[in-house]
Amino acid sequence: MPFFDYRCDACGHEFEAMQKISDAPLTDCPACGKAELKKQLSAPGFRLKGGGWYETDFKSGNKKNVHESSSKSESAPACASGGGCCPASK
């Protein structure tokens, strides 16, 4: 479950709360008891960086080049076979 940052407009108290994304936002401040809480915009706790996830990232042994071995058996992409999906084949 993600953490959400909250700040009370009445007393300035700031805290994090672990909630489901589908949960309603909190409204009552745990410090002063007033219904002045506002959910704050904050950065996520992780970052996905780089070119993406690859099928070889978590493979081991002789399974490392799964895509390369399967593409050698194909003679041409499905679109180049004259199926009419490529603009050039029309």
N, C-alpha and C. Protein backbone atom coordinates (compact mmCIF):
# COMPACT_ATOMS: atom_id res chain seq x y z
N MET A 1 0.83 -1.19 0.00
CA MET A 1 0.00 0.00 0.00
C MET A 1 0.88 1.25 0.00
N PRO A 2 0.45 2.26 -0.70
CA PRO A 2 1.25 3.50 -0.77
C PRO A 2 1.07 4.37 0.47
N PHE A 3 2.04 5.26 0.66
CA PHE A 3 1.97 6.26 1.72
C PHE A 3 1.52 7.58 1.11
N PHE A 4 0.68 8.29 1.83
CA PHE A 4 0.21 9.61 1.40
C PHE A 4 0.61 10.62 2.46
N ASP A 5 1.03 11.80 2.02
CA ASP A 5 1.39 12.89 2.92
C ASP A 5 0.17 13.76 3.18
N TYR A 6 0.00 14.15 4.43
CA TYR A 6 -1.10 15.03 4.83
C TYR A 6 -0.55 16.21 5.62
N ARG A 7 -1.27 17.33 5.53
CA ARG A 7 -0.92 18.53 6.30
C ARG A 7 -2.21 19.17 6.79
N CYS A 8 -2.21 19.56 8.07
CA CYS A 8 -3.37 20.22 8.66
C CYS A 8 -3.26 21.72 8.43
N ASP A 9 -4.30 22.31 7.84
CA ASP A 9 -4.32 23.75 7.61
C ASP A 9 -4.50 24.54 8.92
N ALA A 10 -5.08 23.91 9.92
CA ALA A 10 -5.34 24.60 11.19
C ALA A 10 -4.08 24.72 12.05
N CYS A 11 -3.36 23.61 12.24
CA CYS A 11 -2.21 23.63 13.15
C CYS A 11 -0.86 23.41 12.46
N GLY A 12 -0.86 23.03 11.18
CA GLY A 12 0.39 22.83 10.45
C GLY A 12 1.02 21.46 10.64
N HIS A 13 0.34 20.56 11.37
CA HIS A 13 0.87 19.21 11.60
C HIS A 13 0.98 18.47 10.27
N GLU A 14 2.14 17.82 10.03
CA GLU A 14 2.37 17.03 8.82
C GLU A 14 2.67 15.59 9.20
N PHE A 15 2.13 14.65 8.43
CA PHE A 15 2.39 13.23 8.69
C PHE A 15 2.12 12.42 7.43
N GLU A 16 2.53 11.15 7.48
CA GLU A 16 2.28 10.20 6.40
C GLU A 16 1.27 9.18 6.89
N ALA A 17 0.42 8.72 5.98
CA ALA A 17 -0.55 7.68 6.31
C ALA A 17 -0.51 6.62 5.22
N MET A 18 -0.46 5.35 5.62
CA MET A 18 -0.50 4.25 4.67
C MET A 18 -1.97 3.93 4.39
N GLN A 19 -2.36 4.08 3.13
CA GLN A 19 -3.75 3.86 2.73
C GLN A 19 -3.81 3.18 1.38
N LYS A 20 -4.92 2.52 1.14
CA LYS A 20 -5.19 2.01 -0.21
C LYS A 20 -5.49 3.21 -1.11
N ILE A 21 -5.24 3.07 -2.39
CA ILE A 21 -5.53 4.14 -3.33
C ILE A 21 -7.03 4.42 -3.37
N SER A 22 -7.83 3.38 -3.17
CA SER A 22 -9.29 3.54 -3.22
C SER A 22 -9.87 4.11 -1.93
N ASP A 23 -9.10 4.23 -0.85
CA ASP A 23 -9.60 4.78 0.41
C ASP A 23 -9.89 6.27 0.28
N ALA A 24 -10.88 6.72 1.01
CA ALA A 24 -11.21 8.15 1.04
C ALA A 24 -10.10 8.91 1.77
N PRO A 25 -9.81 10.14 1.37
CA PRO A 25 -8.78 10.93 2.07
C PRO A 25 -9.16 11.17 3.53
N LEU A 26 -8.15 11.24 4.38
CA LEU A 26 -8.38 11.54 5.79
C LEU A 26 -8.81 13.00 5.92
N THR A 27 -9.60 13.29 6.93
CA THR A 27 -10.08 14.66 7.11
C THR A 27 -9.76 15.24 8.48
N ASP A 28 -9.70 14.39 9.52
CA ASP A 28 -9.49 14.88 10.88
C ASP A 28 -8.01 14.80 11.27
N CYS A 29 -7.47 15.90 11.75
CA CYS A 29 -6.08 15.98 12.18
C CYS A 29 -5.88 15.20 13.48
N PRO A 30 -4.88 14.31 13.54
CA PRO A 30 -4.64 13.58 14.79
C PRO A 30 -4.04 14.46 15.89
N ALA A 31 -3.48 15.61 15.54
CA ALA A 31 -2.87 16.49 16.54
C ALA A 31 -3.89 17.43 17.19
N CYS A 32 -4.71 18.10 16.37
CA CYS A 32 -5.65 19.09 16.93
C CYS A 32 -7.11 18.66 16.86
N GLY A 33 -7.41 17.63 16.06
CA GLY A 33 -8.77 17.12 15.99
C GLY A 33 -9.68 17.85 15.00
N LYS A 34 -9.20 18.89 14.38
CA LYS A 34 -10.03 19.66 13.44
C LYS A 34 -10.06 18.97 12.07
N ALA A 35 -11.13 19.19 11.35
CA ALA A 35 -11.29 18.59 10.01
C ALA A 35 -10.67 19.49 8.96
N GLU A 36 -9.36 19.70 9.07
CA GLU A 36 -8.65 20.62 8.17
C GLU A 36 -7.50 19.94 7.41
N LEU A 37 -7.51 18.61 7.33
CA LEU A 37 -6.42 17.91 6.65
C LEU A 37 -6.52 18.06 5.14
N LYS A 38 -5.38 18.23 4.51
CA LYS A 38 -5.28 18.27 3.05
C LYS A 38 -4.22 17.28 2.61
N LYS A 39 -4.55 16.50 1.59
CA LYS A 39 -3.58 15.55 1.03
C LYS A 39 -2.56 16.34 0.22
N GLN A 40 -1.29 16.07 0.44
CA GLN A 40 -0.21 16.78 -0.23
C GLN A 40 0.27 16.01 -1.44
N LEU A 41 0.74 16.71 -2.44
CA LEU A 41 1.36 16.11 -3.61
C LEU A 41 2.80 15.79 -3.24
N SER A 42 3.20 14.54 -3.42
CA SER A 42 4.57 14.15 -3.05
C SER A 42 5.13 13.19 -4.09
N ALA A 43 6.44 13.07 -4.09
CA ALA A 43 7.12 12.17 -5.01
C ALA A 43 6.95 10.72 -4.56
N PRO A 44 6.88 9.79 -5.50
CA PRO A 44 6.77 8.38 -5.10
C PRO A 44 8.06 7.91 -4.45
N GLY A 45 7.97 6.81 -3.73
CA GLY A 45 9.12 6.27 -3.03
C GLY A 45 10.08 5.50 -3.92
N PHE A 46 9.78 5.32 -5.19
CA PHE A 46 10.68 4.62 -6.11
C PHE A 46 10.61 5.27 -7.47
N ARG A 47 11.57 4.94 -8.29
CA ARG A 47 11.63 5.51 -9.64
C ARG A 47 12.00 4.43 -10.63
N LEU A 48 11.26 4.29 -11.70
CA LEU A 48 11.62 3.38 -12.77
C LEU A 48 12.42 4.21 -13.76
N LYS A 49 13.68 3.85 -13.95
CA LYS A 49 14.57 4.67 -14.72
C LYS A 49 15.22 3.83 -15.82
N GLY A 50 15.51 4.44 -16.94
CA GLY A 50 16.22 3.74 -18.00
C GLY A 50 15.32 3.39 -19.16
N GLY A 51 15.79 2.47 -19.98
CA GLY A 51 15.10 2.10 -21.21
C GLY A 51 13.92 1.18 -21.00
N GLY A 52 13.74 0.64 -19.82
CA GLY A 52 12.59 -0.23 -19.58
C GLY A 52 13.02 -1.56 -19.00
N TRP A 53 12.04 -2.42 -18.85
CA TRP A 53 12.27 -3.76 -18.32
C TRP A 53 12.45 -4.71 -19.50
N TYR A 54 13.37 -5.60 -19.39
CA TYR A 54 13.66 -6.52 -20.47
C TYR A 54 13.42 -7.94 -20.01
N GLU A 55 13.05 -8.81 -20.94
CA GLU A 55 12.79 -10.19 -20.57
C GLU A 55 14.04 -10.90 -20.07
N THR A 56 15.21 -10.39 -20.40
CA THR A 56 16.45 -11.03 -19.97
C THR A 56 16.92 -10.58 -18.58
N ASP A 57 16.26 -9.60 -17.99
CA ASP A 57 16.71 -9.08 -16.71
C ASP A 57 16.72 -10.11 -15.59
N PHE A 58 15.77 -11.02 -15.59
CA PHE A 58 15.66 -11.96 -14.48
C PHE A 58 15.76 -13.41 -14.95
N LYS A 59 16.39 -13.64 -16.07
CA LYS A 59 16.59 -14.99 -16.58
C LYS A 59 17.95 -15.51 -16.13
N SER A 60 18.10 -16.81 -16.15
CA SER A 60 19.40 -17.39 -15.79
C SER A 60 19.72 -18.54 -16.74
N GLY A 61 20.96 -18.91 -16.76
CA GLY A 61 21.38 -20.04 -17.58
C GLY A 61 21.22 -19.80 -19.06
N ASN A 62 20.73 -20.82 -19.78
CA ASN A 62 20.61 -20.73 -21.23
C ASN A 62 19.31 -20.06 -21.67
N LYS A 63 18.52 -19.53 -20.77
CA LYS A 63 17.26 -18.86 -21.12
C LYS A 63 17.45 -17.37 -21.35
N LYS A 64 18.68 -16.87 -21.35
CA LYS A 64 18.91 -15.42 -21.41
C LYS A 64 18.47 -14.77 -22.72
N ASN A 65 18.57 -15.42 -23.84
CA ASN A 65 18.23 -14.80 -25.12
C ASN A 65 16.97 -15.42 -25.71
N VAL A 66 15.89 -15.37 -24.97
CA VAL A 66 14.63 -15.97 -25.41
C VAL A 66 14.11 -15.29 -26.67
N HIS A 67 14.11 -13.96 -26.71
CA HIS A 67 13.59 -13.23 -27.86
C HIS A 67 14.43 -13.49 -29.11
N GLU A 68 15.73 -13.48 -28.96
CA GLU A 68 16.62 -13.67 -30.10
C GLU A 68 16.43 -15.05 -30.72
N SER A 69 16.29 -16.09 -29.91
CA SER A 69 16.12 -17.44 -30.46
C SER A 69 14.76 -17.62 -31.12
N SER A 70 13.71 -16.95 -30.61
CA SER A 70 12.40 -17.10 -31.23
C SER A 70 12.29 -16.29 -32.52
N SER A 71 13.02 -15.17 -32.63
CA SER A 71 12.92 -14.36 -33.85
C SER A 71 13.68 -14.98 -35.01
N LYS A 72 14.65 -15.86 -34.74
CA LYS A 72 15.38 -16.53 -35.82
C LYS A 72 14.49 -17.50 -36.58
N SER A 73 13.49 -18.07 -35.90
CA SER A 73 12.63 -19.05 -36.56
C SER A 73 11.58 -18.40 -37.44
N GLU A 74 11.32 -17.12 -37.25
CA GLU A 74 10.33 -16.43 -38.07
C GLU A 74 10.99 -15.92 -39.35
N SER A 75 10.33 -16.09 -40.49
CA SER A 75 10.92 -15.65 -41.75
C SER A 75 10.66 -14.17 -42.01
N ALA A 76 9.46 -13.67 -41.65
CA ALA A 76 9.13 -12.26 -41.87
C ALA A 76 8.07 -11.85 -40.86
N PRO A 77 8.01 -10.58 -40.54
CA PRO A 77 6.94 -10.11 -39.66
C PRO A 77 5.58 -10.34 -40.31
N ALA A 78 4.55 -10.48 -39.50
CA ALA A 78 3.20 -10.76 -40.02
C ALA A 78 2.73 -9.68 -40.98
N CYS A 79 3.12 -8.44 -40.74
CA CYS A 79 2.66 -7.33 -41.57
C CYS A 79 3.28 -7.40 -42.98
N ALA A 80 4.49 -7.85 -43.10
CA ALA A 80 5.16 -7.90 -44.40
C ALA A 80 4.71 -9.10 -45.23
N SER A 81 3.86 -9.93 -44.69
CA SER A 81 3.44 -11.13 -45.44
C SER A 81 2.31 -10.85 -46.41
N GLY A 82 1.91 -9.58 -46.55
CA GLY A 82 0.87 -9.26 -47.51
C GLY A 82 -0.52 -9.28 -46.92
N GLY A 83 -0.63 -9.20 -45.61
CA GLY A 83 -1.92 -9.23 -44.95
C GLY A 83 -2.71 -7.95 -45.10
N GLY A 84 -2.12 -6.90 -45.61
CA GLY A 84 -2.83 -5.65 -45.83
C GLY A 84 -2.79 -4.69 -44.67
N CYS A 85 -1.99 -4.98 -43.64
CA CYS A 85 -1.94 -4.08 -42.49
C CYS A 85 -0.91 -2.97 -42.66
N CYS A 86 0.05 -3.14 -43.53
CA CYS A 86 1.08 -2.12 -43.75
C CYS A 86 0.61 -1.15 -44.83
N PRO A 87 0.86 0.16 -44.63
CA PRO A 87 0.51 1.13 -45.66
C PRO A 87 1.20 0.86 -46.99
N ALA A 88 2.41 0.28 -46.95
CA ALA A 88 3.16 0.03 -48.18
C ALA A 88 2.55 -1.09 -49.01
N SER A 89 1.77 -1.99 -48.36
CA SER A 89 1.21 -3.11 -49.10
C SER A 89 -0.12 -2.77 -49.75
N LYS A 90 -0.62 -1.55 -49.57
CA LYS A 90 -1.91 -1.18 -50.14
C LYS A 90 -1.77 -0.57 -51.51
